[in-house]
Amino acid sequence: MRKLTTALMIAAAALSVGAHAGSALSAVQAEAVNRTLTPEQVRVVLDNWKQNELKHIDQRARYVSDRAPKQFIVDQIEAEYRSAIKRLGV
């Protein structure tokens, strides 16, 4: 259980480094996730993250701008999701 929790934390950290996707830290995080979790587990974590982000779309829109259209935020979430899948090789 502890191993899975650690892996989930690493996956969350990997998602939060979106702007630095090419960094060494991001590469190490992706490698750690791939060694700890199966591709199916990674997909579940990413799917759960995406669903959680979509549930809180209004809150995220406020962080971007008071006038941010919801579709812009949805597109942003989708792009982060696809990027994470690509980085993690799932």
N, C-alpha and C. Protein backbone atom coordinates (compact mmCIF):
# COMPACT_ATOMS: atom_id res chain seq x y z
N MET A 1 0.83 -1.20 0.00
CA MET A 1 0.00 0.00 0.00
C MET A 1 0.87 1.25 0.00
N ARG A 2 1.93 1.24 0.82
CA ARG A 2 2.81 2.40 0.89
C ARG A 2 3.47 2.66 -0.47
N LYS A 3 3.83 1.58 -1.15
CA LYS A 3 4.47 1.69 -2.46
C LYS A 3 3.51 2.34 -3.46
N LEU A 4 2.25 1.94 -3.41
CA LEU A 4 1.25 2.50 -4.31
C LEU A 4 1.01 3.97 -4.00
N THR A 5 0.94 4.32 -2.71
CA THR A 5 0.75 5.71 -2.32
C THR A 5 1.92 6.57 -2.79
N THR A 6 3.14 6.06 -2.64
CA THR A 6 4.32 6.79 -3.09
C THR A 6 4.25 6.99 -4.60
N ALA A 7 3.87 5.95 -5.30
CA ALA A 7 3.77 6.05 -6.76
C ALA A 7 2.71 7.05 -7.18
N LEU A 8 1.60 7.08 -6.48
CA LEU A 8 0.55 8.04 -6.80
C LEU A 8 1.03 9.48 -6.57
N MET A 9 1.79 9.66 -5.50
CA MET A 9 2.33 10.99 -5.22
C MET A 9 3.31 11.42 -6.31
N ILE A 10 4.11 10.48 -6.78
CA ILE A 10 5.05 10.77 -7.86
C ILE A 10 4.29 11.11 -9.13
N ALA A 11 3.22 10.37 -9.40
CA ALA A 11 2.41 10.65 -10.59
C ALA A 11 1.79 12.03 -10.51
N ALA A 12 1.30 12.39 -9.34
CA ALA A 12 0.71 13.72 -9.16
C ALA A 12 1.77 14.79 -9.35
N ALA A 13 2.95 14.55 -8.84
CA ALA A 13 4.04 15.52 -9.00
C ALA A 13 4.42 15.64 -10.47
N ALA A 14 4.42 14.52 -11.17
CA ALA A 14 4.75 14.55 -12.59
C ALA A 14 3.75 15.40 -13.37
N LEU A 15 2.49 15.30 -12.98
CA LEU A 15 1.47 16.11 -13.65
C LEU A 15 1.63 17.59 -13.34
N SER A 16 2.10 17.91 -12.16
CA SER A 16 2.21 19.30 -11.77
C SER A 16 3.41 20.00 -12.39
N VAL A 17 4.28 19.27 -13.05
CA VAL A 17 5.47 19.85 -13.64
C VAL A 17 5.25 20.06 -15.14
N GLY A 18 4.02 20.27 -15.55
CA GLY A 18 3.68 20.38 -16.96
C GLY A 18 4.54 21.33 -17.75
N ALA A 19 4.90 22.46 -17.19
CA ALA A 19 5.69 23.46 -17.91
C ALA A 19 7.13 23.01 -18.10
N HIS A 20 7.57 22.08 -17.30
CA HIS A 20 8.95 21.63 -17.36
C HIS A 20 9.03 20.18 -17.83
N ALA A 21 8.21 19.83 -18.82
CA ALA A 21 8.10 18.45 -19.24
C ALA A 21 9.42 17.87 -19.72
N GLY A 22 10.31 18.68 -20.21
CA GLY A 22 11.58 18.19 -20.71
C GLY A 22 12.67 18.17 -19.66
N SER A 23 12.36 18.54 -18.45
CA SER A 23 13.38 18.63 -17.42
C SER A 23 13.84 17.27 -16.95
N ALA A 24 15.01 17.25 -16.33
CA ALA A 24 15.56 16.00 -15.79
C ALA A 24 14.65 15.45 -14.69
N LEU A 25 14.11 16.33 -13.86
CA LEU A 25 13.23 15.89 -12.78
C LEU A 25 12.01 15.16 -13.35
N SER A 26 11.45 15.70 -14.40
CA SER A 26 10.28 15.08 -15.02
C SER A 26 10.64 13.70 -15.56
N ALA A 27 11.80 13.57 -16.15
CA ALA A 27 12.23 12.28 -16.69
C ALA A 27 12.40 11.26 -15.56
N VAL A 28 12.98 11.69 -14.45
CA VAL A 28 13.16 10.80 -13.30
C VAL A 28 11.81 10.40 -12.72
N GLN A 29 10.90 11.34 -12.62
CA GLN A 29 9.58 11.04 -12.09
C GLN A 29 8.86 10.03 -12.97
N ALA A 30 8.93 10.23 -14.27
CA ALA A 30 8.27 9.30 -15.20
C ALA A 30 8.88 7.91 -15.07
N GLU A 31 10.20 7.85 -14.97
CA GLU A 31 10.86 6.55 -14.81
C GLU A 31 10.44 5.86 -13.51
N ALA A 32 10.36 6.64 -12.43
CA ALA A 32 9.95 6.07 -11.13
C ALA A 32 8.52 5.55 -11.19
N VAL A 33 7.65 6.28 -11.83
CA VAL A 33 6.26 5.85 -11.97
C VAL A 33 6.20 4.56 -12.79
N ASN A 34 6.93 4.53 -13.89
CA ASN A 34 6.90 3.35 -14.76
C ASN A 34 7.46 2.11 -14.07
N ARG A 35 8.41 2.29 -13.18
CA ARG A 35 8.98 1.14 -12.47
C ARG A 35 8.09 0.68 -11.32
N THR A 36 7.26 1.57 -10.80
CA THR A 36 6.46 1.27 -9.63
C THR A 36 5.05 0.79 -9.97
N LEU A 37 4.46 1.36 -10.98
CA LEU A 37 3.08 1.05 -11.35
C LEU A 37 3.00 0.35 -12.69
N THR A 38 1.98 -0.47 -12.84
CA THR A 38 1.70 -1.06 -14.15
C THR A 38 1.06 0.01 -15.03
N PRO A 39 1.10 -0.18 -16.34
CA PRO A 39 0.44 0.79 -17.22
C PRO A 39 -1.05 0.99 -16.89
N GLU A 40 -1.70 -0.09 -16.46
CA GLU A 40 -3.12 0.01 -16.10
C GLU A 40 -3.30 0.90 -14.86
N GLN A 41 -2.41 0.75 -13.88
CA GLN A 41 -2.49 1.58 -12.67
C GLN A 41 -2.22 3.04 -13.00
N VAL A 42 -1.26 3.28 -13.88
CA VAL A 42 -0.96 4.66 -14.29
C VAL A 42 -2.18 5.26 -14.96
N ARG A 43 -2.80 4.49 -15.84
CA ARG A 43 -3.99 4.98 -16.55
C ARG A 43 -5.11 5.31 -15.57
N VAL A 44 -5.31 4.47 -14.56
CA VAL A 44 -6.34 4.71 -13.54
C VAL A 44 -6.04 6.01 -12.79
N VAL A 45 -4.80 6.20 -12.39
CA VAL A 45 -4.41 7.43 -11.68
C VAL A 45 -4.68 8.65 -12.56
N LEU A 46 -4.27 8.58 -13.82
CA LEU A 46 -4.47 9.71 -14.72
C LEU A 46 -5.95 9.95 -14.99
N ASP A 47 -6.71 8.88 -15.17
CA ASP A 47 -8.16 9.04 -15.39
C ASP A 47 -8.83 9.67 -14.18
N ASN A 48 -8.44 9.24 -12.98
CA ASN A 48 -9.00 9.82 -11.75
C ASN A 48 -8.63 11.30 -11.63
N TRP A 49 -7.38 11.63 -11.96
CA TRP A 49 -6.94 13.03 -11.92
C TRP A 49 -7.79 13.88 -12.88
N LYS A 50 -7.96 13.36 -14.09
CA LYS A 50 -8.73 14.09 -15.11
C LYS A 50 -10.17 14.31 -14.66
N GLN A 51 -10.81 13.27 -14.15
CA GLN A 51 -12.19 13.40 -13.68
C GLN A 51 -12.30 14.41 -12.54
N ASN A 52 -11.34 14.39 -11.63
CA ASN A 52 -11.33 15.33 -10.52
C ASN A 52 -11.17 16.77 -11.03
N GLU A 53 -10.29 16.96 -11.99
CA GLU A 53 -10.10 18.30 -12.56
C GLU A 53 -11.37 18.78 -13.25
N LEU A 54 -12.03 17.89 -13.99
CA LEU A 54 -13.26 18.27 -14.69
C LEU A 54 -14.40 18.57 -13.72
N LYS A 55 -14.41 17.91 -12.56
CA LYS A 55 -15.43 18.20 -11.55
C LYS A 55 -15.26 19.59 -10.97
N HIS A 56 -14.04 20.07 -10.92
CA HIS A 56 -13.73 21.36 -10.31
C HIS A 56 -13.35 22.40 -11.36
N ILE A 57 -14.00 22.31 -12.51
CA ILE A 57 -13.64 23.18 -13.62
C ILE A 57 -13.89 24.66 -13.31
N ASP A 58 -14.95 24.96 -12.59
CA ASP A 58 -15.23 26.37 -12.26
C ASP A 58 -14.13 26.96 -11.38
N GLN A 59 -13.68 26.19 -10.42
CA GLN A 59 -12.62 26.65 -9.54
C GLN A 59 -11.33 26.87 -10.33
N ARG A 60 -11.01 25.94 -11.21
CA ARG A 60 -9.80 26.08 -12.02
C ARG A 60 -9.91 27.27 -12.97
N ALA A 61 -11.10 27.52 -13.49
CA ALA A 61 -11.30 28.66 -14.39
C ALA A 61 -11.03 29.97 -13.66
N ARG A 62 -11.41 30.04 -12.39
CA ARG A 62 -11.16 31.25 -11.61
C ARG A 62 -9.67 31.51 -11.43
N TYR A 63 -8.88 30.44 -11.34
CA TYR A 63 -7.43 30.60 -11.20
C TYR A 63 -6.81 31.17 -12.49
N VAL A 64 -7.38 30.81 -13.62
CA VAL A 64 -6.86 31.26 -14.90
C VAL A 64 -7.29 32.70 -15.16
N SER A 65 -8.58 32.95 -15.05
CA SER A 65 -9.13 34.28 -15.30
C SER A 65 -10.61 34.27 -14.94
N ASP A 66 -11.11 35.40 -14.55
CA ASP A 66 -12.54 35.50 -14.25
C ASP A 66 -13.39 35.27 -15.50
N ARG A 67 -12.77 35.48 -16.65
CA ARG A 67 -13.52 35.37 -17.91
C ARG A 67 -13.12 34.16 -18.74
N ALA A 68 -12.37 33.25 -18.18
CA ALA A 68 -11.92 32.09 -18.94
C ALA A 68 -13.11 31.21 -19.33
N PRO A 69 -13.26 30.96 -20.63
CA PRO A 69 -14.36 30.08 -21.04
C PRO A 69 -14.09 28.64 -20.57
N LYS A 70 -15.16 27.96 -20.22
CA LYS A 70 -15.02 26.59 -19.72
C LYS A 70 -14.34 25.68 -20.74
N GLN A 71 -14.63 25.87 -22.01
CA GLN A 71 -14.02 25.01 -23.03
C GLN A 71 -12.50 25.17 -23.06
N PHE A 72 -12.02 26.38 -22.79
CA PHE A 72 -10.58 26.62 -22.72
C PHE A 72 -9.97 25.78 -21.60
N ILE A 73 -10.64 25.73 -20.47
CA ILE A 73 -10.14 24.96 -19.32
C ILE A 73 -10.22 23.46 -19.62
N VAL A 74 -11.30 23.02 -20.24
CA VAL A 74 -11.43 21.61 -20.62
C VAL A 74 -10.30 21.23 -21.57
N ASP A 75 -10.03 22.09 -22.56
CA ASP A 75 -8.95 21.82 -23.50
C ASP A 75 -7.60 21.75 -22.80
N GLN A 76 -7.40 22.61 -21.81
CA GLN A 76 -6.17 22.62 -21.02
C GLN A 76 -6.00 21.30 -20.25
N ILE A 77 -7.07 20.85 -19.63
CA ILE A 77 -7.04 19.59 -18.88
C ILE A 77 -6.75 18.43 -19.82
N GLU A 78 -7.42 18.41 -20.97
CA GLU A 78 -7.19 17.35 -21.95
C GLU A 78 -5.73 17.35 -22.42
N ALA A 79 -5.17 18.52 -22.66
CA ALA A 79 -3.78 18.62 -23.11
C ALA A 79 -2.82 18.10 -22.03
N GLU A 80 -3.07 18.45 -20.79
CA GLU A 80 -2.23 17.96 -19.68
C GLU A 80 -2.34 16.44 -19.57
N TYR A 81 -3.54 15.93 -19.73
CA TYR A 81 -3.78 14.49 -19.66
C TYR A 81 -3.00 13.76 -20.76
N ARG A 82 -3.15 14.24 -22.00
CA ARG A 82 -2.44 13.62 -23.13
C ARG A 82 -0.93 13.71 -22.96
N SER A 83 -0.46 14.84 -22.46
CA SER A 83 0.96 15.02 -22.22
C SER A 83 1.48 14.03 -21.19
N ALA A 84 0.74 13.85 -20.12
CA ALA A 84 1.15 12.91 -19.07
C ALA A 84 1.16 11.48 -19.60
N ILE A 85 0.17 11.12 -20.39
CA ILE A 85 0.13 9.78 -20.98
C ILE A 85 1.34 9.56 -21.88
N LYS A 86 1.65 10.56 -22.65
CA LYS A 86 2.82 10.46 -23.56
C LYS A 86 4.12 10.36 -22.76
N ARG A 87 4.28 11.23 -21.74
CA ARG A 87 5.50 11.22 -20.93
C ARG A 87 5.68 9.90 -20.20
N LEU A 88 4.56 9.33 -19.76
CA LEU A 88 4.64 8.09 -18.99
C LEU A 88 4.58 6.85 -19.85
N GLY A 89 4.41 7.04 -21.14
CA GLY A 89 4.43 5.92 -22.07
C GLY A 89 3.29 4.95 -21.90
N VAL A 90 2.13 5.46 -21.55
CA VAL A 90 0.96 4.60 -21.35
C VAL A 90 0.14 4.55 -22.62
